[in-house]
Amino acid sequence: MSAEANDKLRDRLIGTWKLISAMREEIPSGEKTPFLGENPTGFLHYMPDGRMLAMITRAGRKRPAGNVATGAEAEGLIRSMIAYGANYECVGDEVLHHCDLSWNEKFTGTVQRRKVTFEGERLTLSPPPSADPLDGKMSVRRLTWERV
């Protein structure tokens, strides 16, 4: 694709997006499930300077009982979220997130590829088939966002 097409995609991404669904299609069964629960929460922000930030939380997260989370409570909170920051670039129909900050250090220093599709004011991002970072199952995950 041309530099002009890449710039056009980048311009469409800029802004804040609210997560409306997170569906996973397992490989090879094809089973589809809402992998972050029925009502996950998340925001995705693409900035004009080429930076992005994402934070996503699973539906139904529990608050710690006290002011300081126990080890088990902290583990539950970490395992029920995804968060990272990156420089991004648009190439063809993909956005590449060059991660330099992450809730999971396995992401830090990696490039996260996301196929981009639009339907009206909705944006869907999906990585290539890979192991789900929350449970390790091979799948394709599609996160659908609505412009805020």
Protein backbone atom coordinates (compact mmCIF):
# COMPACT_ATOMS: atom_id res chain seq x y z
CA MET A 1 0.00 0.00 0.00
CA SER A 2 1.05 3.57 -0.54
CA ALA A 3 2.28 5.99 2.10
CA GLU A 4 -0.91 7.96 1.44
CA ALA A 5 -3.09 4.93 2.26
CA ASN A 6 -1.08 4.29 5.44
CA ASP A 7 -1.55 7.95 6.48
CA LYS A 8 -5.29 7.69 5.79
CA LEU A 9 -5.57 4.63 8.07
CA ARG A 10 -3.55 6.42 10.75
CA ASP A 11 -5.88 9.43 10.56
CA ARG A 12 -8.92 7.18 11.03
CA LEU A 13 -7.37 5.55 14.12
CA ILE A 14 -6.46 8.77 15.94
CA GLY A 15 -8.67 9.33 18.95
CA THR A 16 -10.13 7.43 21.87
CA TRP A 17 -12.01 4.17 21.47
CA LYS A 18 -14.16 2.29 24.02
CA LEU A 19 -14.21 -1.51 24.01
CA ILE A 20 -17.60 -3.01 23.21
CA SER A 21 -16.72 -6.67 22.67
CA ALA A 22 -13.83 -9.13 22.87
CA MET A 23 -14.45 -12.38 21.03
CA ARG A 24 -12.07 -15.31 20.73
CA GLU A 25 -12.20 -18.00 18.06
CA GLU A 26 -10.22 -21.02 19.23
CA ILE A 27 -8.03 -22.94 16.82
CA PRO A 28 -8.75 -25.56 15.55
CA SER A 29 -12.26 -26.03 17.05
CA GLY A 30 -13.66 -22.70 15.79
CA GLU A 31 -15.49 -22.22 19.10
CA LYS A 32 -16.30 -18.54 19.68
CA THR A 33 -16.46 -17.11 23.19
CA PRO A 34 -16.42 -13.66 24.81
CA PHE A 35 -12.94 -14.17 26.27
CA LEU A 36 -13.12 -11.19 28.65
CA GLY A 37 -16.69 -11.81 29.78
CA GLU A 38 -19.93 -10.31 28.53
CA ASN A 39 -19.17 -6.69 29.45
CA PRO A 40 -15.42 -6.06 29.45
CA THR A 41 -14.11 -2.54 29.94
CA GLY A 42 -11.37 -0.97 27.93
CA PHE A 43 -10.03 2.13 26.29
CA LEU A 44 -7.66 2.49 23.40
CA HIS A 45 -6.07 5.81 22.55
CA TYR A 46 -4.15 6.59 19.36
CA MET A 47 -2.34 9.91 19.49
CA PRO A 48 -1.23 12.05 16.53
CA ASP A 49 2.41 11.85 17.70
CA GLY A 50 2.51 8.12 16.92
CA ARG A 51 1.95 6.81 20.46
CA MET A 52 -0.84 4.55 21.64
CA LEU A 53 -2.07 3.29 25.00
CA ALA A 54 -4.47 0.46 25.71
CA MET A 55 -6.03 -0.78 28.94
CA ILE A 56 -8.59 -3.58 29.01
CA THR A 57 -10.18 -5.33 31.97
CA ARG A 58 -12.26 -8.49 32.16
CA ALA A 59 -15.90 -8.18 33.22
CA GLY A 60 -16.66 -8.91 36.88
CA ARG A 61 -13.29 -8.05 38.46
CA LYS A 62 -13.33 -8.19 42.27
CA ARG A 63 -12.03 -5.43 44.51
CA PRO A 64 -9.49 -6.37 47.17
CA ALA A 65 -11.07 -6.85 50.61
CA GLY A 66 -8.65 -4.39 52.24
CA ASN A 67 -6.54 -1.40 51.28
CA VAL A 68 -3.69 -3.65 50.13
CA ALA A 69 -4.41 -6.59 47.84
CA THR A 70 -3.35 -10.01 49.08
CA GLY A 71 -1.11 -12.04 46.79
CA ALA A 72 -4.08 -14.00 45.48
CA GLU A 73 -6.14 -10.84 44.95
CA ALA A 74 -3.26 -9.13 43.14
CA GLU A 75 -2.76 -12.17 40.91
CA GLY A 76 -6.46 -12.17 40.04
CA LEU A 77 -6.35 -8.50 39.14
CA ILE A 78 -3.25 -8.86 36.95
CA ARG A 79 -4.65 -11.93 35.19
CA SER A 80 -7.87 -10.07 34.38
CA MET A 81 -6.31 -7.17 32.49
CA ILE A 82 -4.28 -6.23 29.44
CA ALA A 83 -2.40 -2.93 29.29
CA TYR A 84 0.42 -1.61 27.16
CA GLY A 85 1.89 1.44 25.50
CA ALA A 86 3.71 1.66 22.19
CA ASN A 87 4.77 3.63 19.19
CA TYR A 88 2.53 2.63 16.30
CA GLU A 89 2.67 2.61 12.52
CA CYS A 90 0.14 1.72 9.85
CA VAL A 91 1.15 -0.69 7.10
CA GLY A 92 -1.50 -1.78 4.62
CA ASP A 93 -4.55 -2.97 6.58
CA GLU A 94 -2.59 -3.43 9.82
CA VAL A 95 -1.45 -1.30 12.70
CA LEU A 96 1.85 -2.33 14.29
CA HIS A 97 2.31 -1.57 17.99
CA HIS A 98 6.02 -1.39 18.92
CA CYS A 99 5.57 -2.10 22.65
CA ASP A 100 7.86 -0.40 25.12
CA LEU A 101 5.62 -0.68 28.21
CA SER A 102 3.38 -3.56 29.25
CA TRP A 103 1.51 -5.22 32.11
CA ASN A 104 3.15 -8.43 30.88
CA GLU A 105 6.88 -8.08 30.27
CA LYS A 106 6.58 -10.73 27.57
CA PHE A 107 4.98 -8.00 25.38
CA THR A 108 7.63 -5.36 26.14
CA GLY A 109 10.06 -5.09 23.23
CA THR A 110 7.73 -6.90 20.80
CA VAL A 111 5.73 -5.75 17.80
CA GLN A 112 2.03 -6.51 18.16
CA ARG A 113 0.34 -6.74 14.72
CA ARG A 114 -3.35 -5.97 14.50
CA LYS A 115 -5.50 -6.29 11.39
CA VAL A 116 -7.75 -3.22 11.17
CA THR A 117 -11.32 -3.23 9.91
CA PHE A 118 -13.96 -0.51 10.18
CA GLU A 119 -17.73 -0.78 10.13
CA GLY A 120 -19.30 2.64 10.51
CA GLU A 121 -17.89 4.19 13.68
CA ARG A 122 -16.70 0.80 14.95
CA LEU A 123 -13.14 -0.44 14.76
CA THR A 124 -12.15 -4.10 15.01
CA LEU A 125 -8.55 -5.09 15.74
CA SER A 126 -7.35 -8.68 15.54
CA PRO A 127 -3.88 -10.18 15.86
CA PRO A 128 -2.74 -13.08 13.71
CA PRO A 129 -3.54 -16.51 15.22
CA SER A 130 -1.50 -16.81 18.40
CA ALA A 131 -1.50 -18.02 21.99
CA ASP A 132 -3.93 -16.00 24.10
CA PRO A 133 -1.86 -14.04 26.66
CA LEU A 134 -4.41 -14.80 29.38
CA ASP A 135 -4.62 -18.60 29.04
CA GLY A 136 -2.20 -19.68 26.31
CA LYS A 137 -4.85 -21.23 24.00
CA MET A 138 -4.24 -20.83 20.25
CA SER A 139 -6.88 -18.49 18.90
CA VAL A 140 -7.79 -15.40 16.94
CA ARG A 141 -9.07 -12.61 19.16
CA ARG A 142 -11.21 -9.78 17.77
CA LEU A 143 -11.68 -6.68 19.84
CA THR A 144 -14.37 -4.29 18.66
CA TRP A 145 -14.21 -0.66 19.68
CA GLU A 146 -16.51 2.33 19.31
CA ARG A 147 -15.21 5.87 18.95
CA VAL A 148 -15.72 7.94 22.10
